[in-house]
């Protein structure tokens, strides 16, 4: 319907009916993102960028463009594009964002600001009033997922800045997600897990506020996928991800609905779920991702479907991760998604150990450690456990 309406417009309508024309093009671009029609999205966005009279009027298509790049597996491109838009909004970052000192500075400054506040002070903060700061928060929220998958060392910096803006200017829908991701950042050390858990609770409280709700899917992905999995049973986390998947689809938060689909597979394969039922569920999730032409979480979700089916039996070589006749590794190497590779090596490492291929298990273990994401996640405990088992098995083989 939106495209039909655009077809009825004339070139002069960008002058005589500016607001209507802008709304039609921006809304159509968003709809094309959800449907995975990225070529049409690019055409619509170009039209808005050429004719919009202010940066504010271009923001919606900028969101659509960054999200579409990410959905196509072009994480680094999405990050570079987002940083460029943020600079136009007056939000600049150091050029050496991956430097340890820069990361530490952002995290320490944010932790210091939080230490001076009571939890209730955060929960009762007024809504953000500055429109440009609202746009900055929205863009930063988009960039967190791009950076987690494609440039993990950027995550602590982006989430830190989002928390700082919330504490300085007020809360918005993105604030809950900011606290969730920052909570996962500070949870990297075992002694700080409970601090991260407390920040996760703040995120879950913020997402329930009537004036900040709407990002439940992404908040649940961060809280239950990166924090609570170290405090609560994985089975409970799996159910939360299933709920968040449906919530994400209902609210149009497609990217994070898909993130939760992946986390259902990751938690389910490690927590005693019925493997056949889990594989069937993951097959439905990946089918929906294909339908929407989104690639970010497709192959890692297929990894866990293959993992479950291989353990159930019926494959020629249960140590291979083959989907539809293709090796999933080759599909992953075509994208800029570093996080996907870590899921592949993790799953294949375990399969190789279980089926007694210790040399392959050692090779996968080495790759798994190299591809490990910066932030702790649901795989950590089993990753360390199997690394130890493989080391023992390798030592035993050498002794023989």
Foldseek 3Di string as FASTA:
>chain_A
DLVVVQVPDDPCCCPVVVVVNLVSLLVVLLVCLQQQVVVVNVVSLVVCVVRPPDLVSSLSSLLSVLSSCVQLQALVVSLVSLQVSVVVLVDHDDPPLLDPVNLVVLLVVLVVLVVVDDLVCLLPWDAFDDPSLVSVLSSLLSSLVSCQFFPQSNNSNSLSVNSVCCSVGHDALSNLLSLLSSLLVQPQDVVCLVVSLVSLVSSVSNCPPPRRHLCQLSSLLSNLWRRCLVPDPLVVSLVSLCVSLVSCVVSVVNVSNLSSLLSNLLSQVVHDHQLVVNLVSLVVSLVVSVSSSGDNNNLLSLLSSLLSDLVVDDDPQSLFSADPNHGSVVVSVVHSGLQSLLSNLLSSLVSCVVVVVLVVNQVSLVSNVVSPRPTHGNCVVVNVVSVVVSVVVVVVVVVD
